[in-house]
N, C-alpha and C. Protein backbone atom coordinates (compact mmCIF):
# COMPACT_ATOMS: atom_id res chain seq x y z
N MET A 1 126.35 -45.49 130.24
CA MET A 1 125.01 -45.78 129.77
C MET A 1 124.93 -47.24 129.35
N ASN A 2 123.88 -47.86 129.69
CA ASN A 2 123.68 -49.26 129.34
C ASN A 2 123.37 -49.39 127.86
N SER A 3 124.23 -50.04 127.11
CA SER A 3 124.04 -50.12 125.66
C SER A 3 122.82 -50.94 125.29
N SER A 4 122.43 -51.91 126.11
CA SER A 4 121.24 -52.67 125.77
C SER A 4 120.00 -51.80 125.87
N LEU A 5 120.00 -50.82 126.77
CA LEU A 5 118.88 -49.90 126.87
C LEU A 5 118.78 -49.04 125.63
N SER A 6 119.88 -48.52 125.14
CA SER A 6 119.86 -47.64 123.98
C SER A 6 119.47 -48.39 122.71
N ILE A 7 119.73 -49.69 122.66
CA ILE A 7 119.35 -50.46 121.48
C ILE A 7 117.85 -50.73 121.49
N ASN A 8 117.27 -50.95 122.67
CA ASN A 8 115.87 -51.36 122.76
C ASN A 8 114.88 -50.22 122.96
N MET A 9 115.32 -49.07 123.45
CA MET A 9 114.37 -48.03 123.81
C MET A 9 114.95 -46.64 123.58
N ALA A 10 114.18 -45.80 122.91
CA ALA A 10 114.57 -44.41 122.72
C ALA A 10 114.34 -43.66 124.03
N GLU A 11 115.11 -42.63 124.24
CA GLU A 11 114.99 -41.83 125.45
C GLU A 11 114.16 -40.59 125.16
N PRO A 12 113.49 -40.06 126.17
CA PRO A 12 112.76 -38.81 125.96
C PRO A 12 113.73 -37.69 125.61
N GLY A 13 113.26 -36.71 124.87
CA GLY A 13 114.10 -35.58 124.50
C GLY A 13 113.65 -34.95 123.20
N LYS A 14 114.51 -34.09 122.65
CA LYS A 14 114.19 -33.40 121.40
C LYS A 14 114.65 -34.23 120.21
N TYR A 15 113.80 -34.29 119.20
CA TYR A 15 114.07 -35.08 117.99
C TYR A 15 113.73 -34.26 116.75
N LEU A 16 114.58 -34.40 115.74
CA LEU A 16 114.28 -33.82 114.44
C LEU A 16 113.40 -34.82 113.70
N THR A 17 112.27 -34.37 113.21
CA THR A 17 111.37 -35.26 112.49
C THR A 17 111.41 -34.95 111.00
N PHE A 18 111.29 -36.00 110.20
CA PHE A 18 111.33 -35.86 108.75
C PHE A 18 110.45 -36.92 108.11
N LYS A 19 110.21 -36.74 106.80
CA LYS A 19 109.35 -37.66 106.07
C LYS A 19 110.11 -38.42 105.00
N LEU A 20 109.68 -39.65 104.80
CA LEU A 20 110.03 -40.48 103.65
C LEU A 20 108.71 -41.05 103.17
N GLN A 21 108.30 -40.71 101.96
CA GLN A 21 106.96 -41.03 101.45
C GLN A 21 105.95 -40.50 102.46
N SER A 22 105.06 -41.34 102.94
CA SER A 22 104.06 -40.87 103.90
C SER A 22 104.44 -41.22 105.33
N GLU A 23 105.64 -41.75 105.52
CA GLU A 23 106.08 -42.17 106.85
C GLU A 23 106.88 -41.07 107.54
N HIS A 24 106.73 -41.00 108.86
CA HIS A 24 107.41 -40.00 109.67
C HIS A 24 108.50 -40.68 110.50
N PHE A 25 109.70 -40.08 110.49
CA PHE A 25 110.84 -40.63 111.22
C PHE A 25 111.42 -39.54 112.11
N SER A 26 112.19 -39.95 113.10
CA SER A 26 112.83 -39.01 114.01
C SER A 26 114.23 -39.48 114.36
N VAL A 27 115.11 -38.50 114.57
CA VAL A 27 116.47 -38.76 115.06
C VAL A 27 116.75 -37.74 116.16
N PRO A 28 117.59 -38.11 117.14
CA PRO A 28 117.89 -37.16 118.22
C PRO A 28 118.49 -35.87 117.66
N VAL A 29 117.94 -34.75 118.08
CA VAL A 29 118.38 -33.46 117.54
C VAL A 29 119.84 -33.18 117.88
N LEU A 30 120.34 -33.72 119.00
CA LEU A 30 121.74 -33.49 119.36
C LEU A 30 122.70 -34.20 118.43
N ARG A 31 122.22 -35.13 117.63
CA ARG A 31 123.06 -35.83 116.66
C ARG A 31 123.09 -35.11 115.30
N VAL A 32 122.21 -34.15 115.10
CA VAL A 32 122.12 -33.43 113.82
C VAL A 32 123.16 -32.32 113.79
N ARG A 33 123.99 -32.32 112.77
CA ARG A 33 125.03 -31.30 112.62
C ARG A 33 124.60 -30.20 111.66
N GLU A 34 123.81 -30.57 110.65
CA GLU A 34 123.46 -29.60 109.63
C GLU A 34 122.32 -30.14 108.79
N ILE A 35 121.50 -29.22 108.27
CA ILE A 35 120.47 -29.56 107.29
C ILE A 35 120.77 -28.69 106.07
N MET A 36 120.89 -29.33 104.92
CA MET A 36 121.25 -28.57 103.72
C MET A 36 120.42 -28.99 102.52
N ARG A 37 120.32 -28.10 101.56
CA ARG A 37 119.62 -28.42 100.32
C ARG A 37 120.32 -29.55 99.60
N LEU A 38 119.56 -30.26 98.80
CA LEU A 38 120.14 -31.31 97.97
C LEU A 38 121.15 -30.64 97.03
N CYS A 39 122.35 -31.18 96.96
CA CYS A 39 123.42 -30.57 96.17
C CYS A 39 124.15 -31.66 95.39
N ALA A 40 125.15 -31.26 94.63
CA ALA A 40 125.93 -32.22 93.85
C ALA A 40 126.67 -33.18 94.77
N ILE A 41 126.55 -34.46 94.45
CA ILE A 41 127.20 -35.52 95.22
C ILE A 41 128.12 -36.27 94.28
N THR A 42 129.38 -36.47 94.70
CA THR A 42 130.35 -37.19 93.88
C THR A 42 130.15 -38.69 94.06
N PRO A 43 129.81 -39.41 92.98
CA PRO A 43 129.61 -40.86 93.09
C PRO A 43 130.92 -41.57 93.46
N VAL A 44 130.78 -42.68 94.15
CA VAL A 44 131.92 -43.52 94.52
C VAL A 44 131.68 -44.89 93.90
N PRO A 45 132.64 -45.40 93.12
CA PRO A 45 132.45 -46.69 92.45
C PRO A 45 132.30 -47.85 93.44
N ARG A 46 131.60 -48.87 93.00
CA ARG A 46 131.43 -50.14 93.72
C ARG A 46 130.77 -49.99 95.09
N MET A 47 129.82 -49.07 95.21
CA MET A 47 129.07 -48.89 96.45
C MET A 47 127.67 -49.47 96.29
N PRO A 48 127.05 -49.84 97.39
CA PRO A 48 125.65 -50.28 97.31
C PRO A 48 124.78 -49.15 96.75
N PRO A 49 123.65 -49.48 96.12
CA PRO A 49 122.81 -48.45 95.47
C PRO A 49 122.34 -47.33 96.40
N TYR A 50 122.17 -47.61 97.69
CA TYR A 50 121.68 -46.56 98.59
C TYR A 50 122.77 -45.55 98.96
N ILE A 51 124.03 -45.85 98.68
CA ILE A 51 125.10 -44.88 98.93
C ILE A 51 125.28 -44.06 97.66
N LYS A 52 124.90 -42.81 97.75
CA LYS A 52 124.91 -41.94 96.57
C LYS A 52 126.29 -41.38 96.28
N GLY A 53 127.20 -41.39 97.27
CA GLY A 53 128.55 -40.89 97.07
C GLY A 53 129.01 -40.07 98.25
N VAL A 54 129.82 -39.05 97.95
CA VAL A 54 130.36 -38.19 99.00
C VAL A 54 130.17 -36.73 98.61
N LEU A 55 130.21 -35.87 99.62
CA LEU A 55 130.22 -34.44 99.35
C LEU A 55 131.31 -33.81 100.20
N ASN A 56 131.79 -32.69 99.72
CA ASN A 56 132.82 -31.94 100.43
C ASN A 56 132.12 -30.87 101.25
N LEU A 57 132.12 -31.06 102.56
CA LEU A 57 131.47 -30.12 103.45
C LEU A 57 132.54 -29.35 104.22
N ARG A 58 132.85 -28.17 103.71
CA ARG A 58 133.89 -27.31 104.31
C ARG A 58 135.20 -28.07 104.51
N GLY A 59 135.62 -28.79 103.47
CA GLY A 59 136.90 -29.48 103.50
C GLY A 59 136.87 -30.88 104.08
N LYS A 60 135.73 -31.33 104.55
CA LYS A 60 135.61 -32.68 105.12
C LYS A 60 134.75 -33.54 104.18
N ILE A 61 135.22 -34.74 103.87
CA ILE A 61 134.49 -35.64 102.99
C ILE A 61 133.43 -36.36 103.81
N ILE A 62 132.16 -36.21 103.39
CA ILE A 62 131.03 -36.79 104.11
C ILE A 62 130.31 -37.78 103.17
N PRO A 63 130.18 -39.05 103.56
CA PRO A 63 129.39 -39.99 102.76
C PRO A 63 127.91 -39.60 102.82
N VAL A 64 127.18 -39.90 101.73
CA VAL A 64 125.76 -39.56 101.66
C VAL A 64 124.98 -40.79 101.25
N ILE A 65 123.93 -41.10 102.02
CA ILE A 65 123.04 -42.20 101.65
C ILE A 65 121.65 -41.65 101.38
N ASP A 66 120.90 -42.37 100.56
CA ASP A 66 119.51 -42.04 100.30
C ASP A 66 118.67 -42.97 101.17
N LEU A 67 117.96 -42.41 102.14
CA LEU A 67 117.20 -43.25 103.06
C LEU A 67 116.05 -43.98 102.35
N ARG A 68 115.52 -43.41 101.27
CA ARG A 68 114.50 -44.14 100.50
C ARG A 68 115.09 -45.46 100.00
N ASP A 69 116.28 -45.40 99.41
CA ASP A 69 116.92 -46.61 98.91
C ASP A 69 117.32 -47.53 100.05
N ARG A 70 117.79 -46.96 101.15
CA ARG A 70 118.22 -47.77 102.30
C ARG A 70 117.06 -48.59 102.86
N PHE A 71 115.84 -47.99 102.84
CA PHE A 71 114.66 -48.68 103.35
C PHE A 71 113.83 -49.35 102.25
N SER A 72 114.41 -49.47 101.06
CA SER A 72 113.75 -50.12 99.92
C SER A 72 112.40 -49.47 99.58
N LEU A 73 112.35 -48.15 99.62
CA LEU A 73 111.16 -47.42 99.21
C LEU A 73 111.32 -47.00 97.76
N GLN A 74 110.22 -46.69 97.11
CA GLN A 74 110.25 -46.29 95.71
C GLN A 74 111.04 -44.99 95.53
N SER A 75 111.88 -44.92 94.48
CA SER A 75 112.66 -43.71 94.20
C SER A 75 111.73 -42.57 93.83
N LEU A 76 112.22 -41.37 94.05
CA LEU A 76 111.43 -40.17 93.79
C LEU A 76 112.12 -39.34 92.72
N PRO A 77 111.44 -39.07 91.58
CA PRO A 77 112.06 -38.21 90.56
C PRO A 77 112.12 -36.77 91.03
N PHE A 78 113.10 -36.02 90.53
CA PHE A 78 113.26 -34.61 90.91
C PHE A 78 112.10 -33.79 90.35
N SER A 79 111.62 -32.82 91.12
CA SER A 79 110.57 -31.92 90.66
C SER A 79 110.91 -30.50 91.10
N GLU A 80 110.21 -29.52 90.52
CA GLU A 80 110.47 -28.11 90.83
C GLU A 80 110.17 -27.77 92.29
N ASP A 81 109.16 -28.41 92.86
CA ASP A 81 108.79 -28.13 94.24
C ASP A 81 109.41 -29.14 95.22
N ASP A 82 110.53 -29.70 94.82
CA ASP A 82 111.21 -30.73 95.61
C ASP A 82 111.66 -30.17 96.95
N ARG A 83 111.29 -30.85 98.02
CA ARG A 83 111.68 -30.44 99.38
C ARG A 83 112.76 -31.36 99.94
N ARG A 84 113.29 -32.25 99.10
CA ARG A 84 114.32 -33.16 99.60
C ARG A 84 115.53 -32.37 100.07
N CYS A 85 116.18 -32.91 101.08
CA CYS A 85 117.37 -32.26 101.62
C CYS A 85 118.28 -33.32 102.22
N ILE A 86 119.45 -32.87 102.65
CA ILE A 86 120.43 -33.75 103.28
C ILE A 86 120.54 -33.36 104.74
N ILE A 87 120.33 -34.33 105.61
CA ILE A 87 120.54 -34.12 107.04
C ILE A 87 121.90 -34.73 107.37
N VAL A 88 122.84 -33.90 107.81
CA VAL A 88 124.16 -34.40 108.21
C VAL A 88 124.08 -34.73 109.69
N VAL A 89 124.34 -35.99 110.00
CA VAL A 89 124.24 -36.45 111.39
C VAL A 89 125.57 -37.03 111.86
N GLN A 90 125.69 -37.13 113.16
CA GLN A 90 126.88 -37.71 113.77
C GLN A 90 126.47 -39.04 114.41
N PHE A 91 127.34 -40.05 114.27
CA PHE A 91 127.07 -41.36 114.85
C PHE A 91 128.37 -42.00 115.27
N ARG A 92 128.27 -43.05 116.06
CA ARG A 92 129.46 -43.80 116.48
C ARG A 92 129.63 -45.00 115.58
N SER A 93 130.82 -45.12 114.99
CA SER A 93 131.11 -46.26 114.13
C SER A 93 131.35 -47.50 114.98
N ASN A 94 131.48 -48.64 114.33
CA ASN A 94 131.72 -49.89 115.06
C ASN A 94 132.96 -49.82 115.93
N ASP A 95 133.96 -49.02 115.51
CA ASP A 95 135.17 -48.88 116.33
C ASP A 95 135.06 -47.70 117.31
N LYS A 96 133.83 -47.25 117.56
CA LYS A 96 133.49 -46.23 118.57
C LYS A 96 133.98 -44.83 118.24
N LEU A 97 134.40 -44.58 117.00
CA LEU A 97 134.81 -43.24 116.58
C LEU A 97 133.59 -42.45 116.12
N LEU A 98 133.59 -41.15 116.38
CA LEU A 98 132.51 -40.30 115.89
C LEU A 98 132.70 -40.06 114.40
N GLN A 99 131.66 -40.28 113.63
CA GLN A 99 131.67 -40.10 112.18
C GLN A 99 130.49 -39.20 111.81
N GLN A 100 130.56 -38.64 110.61
CA GLN A 100 129.43 -37.88 110.08
C GLN A 100 128.97 -38.52 108.79
N MET A 101 127.66 -38.43 108.54
CA MET A 101 127.11 -38.94 107.29
C MET A 101 125.89 -38.10 106.93
N GLY A 102 125.70 -37.93 105.62
CA GLY A 102 124.52 -37.23 105.14
C GLY A 102 123.44 -38.23 104.77
N MET A 103 122.21 -37.90 105.10
CA MET A 103 121.06 -38.74 104.77
C MET A 103 120.09 -37.91 103.93
N ILE A 104 119.78 -38.39 102.73
CA ILE A 104 118.80 -37.71 101.89
C ILE A 104 117.41 -38.12 102.35
N VAL A 105 116.57 -37.13 102.66
CA VAL A 105 115.20 -37.36 103.10
C VAL A 105 114.26 -36.54 102.22
N ASP A 106 112.97 -36.88 102.25
CA ASP A 106 111.99 -36.16 101.42
C ASP A 106 111.73 -34.75 101.92
N ALA A 107 111.59 -34.58 103.22
CA ALA A 107 111.31 -33.26 103.78
C ALA A 107 111.56 -33.28 105.28
N VAL A 108 112.16 -32.21 105.79
CA VAL A 108 112.30 -32.05 107.23
C VAL A 108 111.01 -31.42 107.71
N GLU A 109 110.49 -31.93 108.84
CA GLU A 109 109.23 -31.41 109.36
C GLU A 109 109.47 -30.40 110.48
N ASP A 110 109.94 -30.87 111.63
CA ASP A 110 110.14 -29.95 112.75
C ASP A 110 110.99 -30.61 113.82
N VAL A 111 111.19 -29.87 114.91
CA VAL A 111 111.84 -30.43 116.09
C VAL A 111 110.73 -30.64 117.11
N ALA A 112 110.64 -31.86 117.62
CA ALA A 112 109.58 -32.20 118.57
C ALA A 112 110.21 -32.71 119.86
N TYR A 113 109.52 -32.46 120.96
CA TYR A 113 109.95 -33.01 122.24
C TYR A 113 109.08 -34.23 122.53
N PHE A 114 109.73 -35.37 122.76
CA PHE A 114 109.03 -36.59 123.12
C PHE A 114 109.28 -36.85 124.61
N SER A 115 108.21 -36.90 125.38
CA SER A 115 108.32 -37.17 126.81
C SER A 115 108.30 -38.68 127.05
N ASP A 116 108.45 -39.08 128.31
CA ASP A 116 108.38 -40.50 128.67
C ASP A 116 107.08 -41.14 128.19
N THR A 117 105.99 -40.40 128.29
CA THR A 117 104.70 -40.96 127.89
C THR A 117 104.52 -41.03 126.39
N ASP A 118 105.30 -40.25 125.62
CA ASP A 118 105.21 -40.28 124.15
C ASP A 118 105.98 -41.46 123.54
N VAL A 119 107.05 -41.89 124.20
CA VAL A 119 107.96 -42.89 123.63
C VAL A 119 107.58 -44.29 124.09
N GLU A 120 107.49 -45.19 123.12
CA GLU A 120 107.19 -46.59 123.41
C GLU A 120 108.23 -47.47 122.74
N VAL A 121 108.36 -48.70 123.26
CA VAL A 121 109.29 -49.64 122.64
C VAL A 121 108.78 -50.01 121.25
N THR A 122 109.68 -50.50 120.42
CA THR A 122 109.31 -50.93 119.08
C THR A 122 108.40 -52.15 119.18
N PRO A 123 107.23 -52.10 118.53
CA PRO A 123 106.35 -53.27 118.59
C PRO A 123 107.01 -54.48 117.94
N ASP A 124 106.57 -55.65 118.33
CA ASP A 124 107.08 -56.89 117.75
C ASP A 124 106.33 -57.16 116.45
N PHE A 125 107.04 -57.02 115.34
CA PHE A 125 106.46 -57.27 114.03
C PHE A 125 106.72 -58.69 113.57
N GLY A 126 107.32 -59.49 114.42
CA GLY A 126 107.70 -60.84 114.02
C GLY A 126 108.97 -60.79 113.19
N SER A 127 109.28 -61.86 112.52
CA SER A 127 110.51 -61.91 111.73
C SER A 127 110.32 -61.35 110.32
N ALA A 128 109.10 -60.93 109.97
CA ALA A 128 108.84 -60.44 108.61
C ALA A 128 109.47 -59.08 108.34
N LEU A 129 109.64 -58.25 109.36
CA LEU A 129 110.19 -56.91 109.17
C LEU A 129 111.51 -56.77 109.90
N ASP A 130 112.42 -56.02 109.29
CA ASP A 130 113.72 -55.74 109.90
C ASP A 130 113.59 -54.48 110.75
N THR A 131 113.62 -54.64 112.06
CA THR A 131 113.45 -53.50 112.97
C THR A 131 114.74 -53.15 113.71
N ARG A 132 115.86 -53.66 113.25
CA ARG A 132 117.10 -53.44 114.00
C ARG A 132 117.54 -51.97 114.01
N TYR A 133 117.03 -51.13 113.10
CA TYR A 133 117.39 -49.72 113.07
C TYR A 133 116.41 -48.85 113.84
N ILE A 134 115.42 -49.46 114.46
CA ILE A 134 114.38 -48.72 115.17
C ILE A 134 114.57 -48.89 116.68
N VAL A 135 114.58 -47.77 117.42
CA VAL A 135 114.72 -47.86 118.87
C VAL A 135 113.44 -47.50 119.60
N GLY A 136 112.43 -47.11 118.87
CA GLY A 136 111.16 -46.80 119.52
C GLY A 136 110.21 -46.12 118.57
N MET A 137 109.03 -45.91 119.09
CA MET A 137 107.97 -45.20 118.37
C MET A 137 107.49 -44.09 119.30
N ALA A 138 107.09 -42.98 118.71
CA ALA A 138 106.58 -41.87 119.51
C ALA A 138 105.33 -41.31 118.86
N THR A 139 104.39 -40.91 119.68
CA THR A 139 103.21 -40.24 119.16
C THR A 139 103.42 -38.74 119.28
N ASN A 140 103.05 -38.02 118.21
CA ASN A 140 103.25 -36.58 118.18
C ASN A 140 102.22 -35.97 117.25
N HIS A 141 101.40 -35.06 117.76
CA HIS A 141 100.37 -34.39 116.97
C HIS A 141 99.48 -35.39 116.23
N GLY A 142 99.13 -36.47 116.89
CA GLY A 142 98.21 -37.43 116.31
C GLY A 142 98.82 -38.43 115.35
N SER A 143 100.11 -38.35 115.10
CA SER A 143 100.74 -39.32 114.20
C SER A 143 101.86 -40.05 114.93
N VAL A 144 102.26 -41.17 114.36
CA VAL A 144 103.31 -41.98 114.96
C VAL A 144 104.62 -41.70 114.25
N ARG A 145 105.68 -41.50 115.02
CA ARG A 145 107.02 -41.27 114.49
C ARG A 145 107.88 -42.48 114.82
N THR A 146 108.62 -42.95 113.84
CA THR A 146 109.57 -44.04 114.06
C THR A 146 110.90 -43.41 114.45
N ILE A 147 111.44 -43.80 115.60
CA ILE A 147 112.71 -43.25 116.07
C ILE A 147 113.84 -44.18 115.64
N LEU A 148 114.78 -43.63 114.89
CA LEU A 148 115.87 -44.42 114.32
C LEU A 148 117.09 -44.47 115.21
N ASP A 149 117.77 -45.60 115.20
CA ASP A 149 119.05 -45.78 115.88
C ASP A 149 120.15 -45.47 114.85
N LEU A 150 120.70 -44.27 114.91
CA LEU A 150 121.69 -43.84 113.91
C LEU A 150 122.94 -44.71 113.93
N ASP A 151 123.38 -45.13 115.11
CA ASP A 151 124.60 -45.94 115.19
C ASP A 151 124.43 -47.25 114.43
N ARG A 152 123.29 -47.89 114.55
CA ARG A 152 123.05 -49.15 113.85
C ARG A 152 122.74 -48.92 112.37
N LEU A 153 121.96 -47.89 112.06
CA LEU A 153 121.56 -47.61 110.69
C LEU A 153 122.74 -47.25 109.80
N LEU A 154 123.68 -46.48 110.33
CA LEU A 154 124.75 -45.92 109.51
C LEU A 154 126.05 -46.70 109.55
N ASN A 155 126.18 -47.69 110.40
CA ASN A 155 127.36 -48.55 110.41
C ASN A 155 127.21 -49.61 109.33
N MET A 156 127.96 -49.46 108.27
CA MET A 156 127.86 -50.38 107.14
C MET A 156 129.19 -51.07 106.96
N ASP A 157 129.19 -52.36 107.02
CA ASP A 157 130.40 -53.18 106.95
C ASP A 157 131.34 -52.75 105.83
N GLY A 158 132.44 -52.15 106.20
CA GLY A 158 133.49 -51.82 105.25
C GLY A 158 133.23 -50.61 104.38
N VAL A 159 131.99 -50.15 104.32
CA VAL A 159 131.65 -49.05 103.42
C VAL A 159 132.34 -47.76 103.83
N LEU A 160 132.31 -47.44 105.13
CA LEU A 160 132.94 -46.20 105.58
C LEU A 160 134.43 -46.19 105.31
N LYS A 161 135.08 -47.35 105.47
CA LYS A 161 136.51 -47.42 105.18
C LYS A 161 136.79 -47.20 103.70
N MET A 162 135.94 -47.77 102.83
CA MET A 162 136.13 -47.59 101.39
C MET A 162 135.94 -46.13 101.01
N ILE A 163 134.92 -45.48 101.58
CA ILE A 163 134.66 -44.08 101.26
C ILE A 163 135.78 -43.20 101.78
N SER A 164 136.26 -43.46 102.99
CA SER A 164 137.34 -42.62 103.53
C SER A 164 138.60 -42.79 102.70
N THR A 165 138.86 -43.99 102.20
CA THR A 165 140.00 -44.20 101.32
C THR A 165 139.82 -43.42 100.03
N TYR A 166 138.61 -43.43 99.49
CA TYR A 166 138.32 -42.68 98.27
C TYR A 166 138.50 -41.19 98.52
N GLY A 167 137.99 -40.71 99.68
CA GLY A 167 138.11 -39.29 100.01
C GLY A 167 139.56 -38.87 100.14
N SER A 168 140.39 -39.71 100.75
CA SER A 168 141.80 -39.39 100.90
C SER A 168 142.50 -39.34 99.56
N ALA A 169 142.12 -40.25 98.66
CA ALA A 169 142.73 -40.28 97.33
C ALA A 169 142.36 -39.05 96.53
N THR A 170 141.10 -38.59 96.65
CA THR A 170 140.71 -37.42 95.87
C THR A 170 141.31 -36.14 96.42
N GLU A 171 141.56 -36.09 97.72
CA GLU A 171 142.13 -34.88 98.31
C GLU A 171 143.58 -34.69 97.90
N THR A 172 144.30 -35.79 97.62
CA THR A 172 145.71 -35.67 97.29
C THR A 172 145.92 -35.42 95.81
N GLN A 173 144.88 -35.59 95.02
CA GLN A 173 145.05 -35.39 93.56
C GLN A 173 144.93 -33.95 93.18
């Protein structure tokens, strides 16, 4: 597969859609491993604010990020009718290894099929907006969905190595 194509344009197919504030986002459904309720997350020292820590998912240490914080959106206080959840996704790290990471989102919406005619390239917003994590836009049920590039969004310089070191240290204690 041509990597320049995957960076610039999303492919038609099934996508899991979710919300952050009033914005709608999508990720390829084949990259989704699990959707789970918000649960206890073990903090990891010296991490960026958007990295909430790690969780133990059936014996595997999974880093968890808050997408609101990652996209510099306003934090959301916990409420009784909270629909926030963790979407565990799979992505390729910079060294091409498959990794898993949890993403905290406001609410999962549905699984949608985006055809060739639904998917468009990311518009040029100029240099004012950072669009490097976006591979396209799709129209679905009258609204626009931003399609995220998980490989670019979740590859964080050195962070995964620090978390995996932390996870290994906690498992041996």
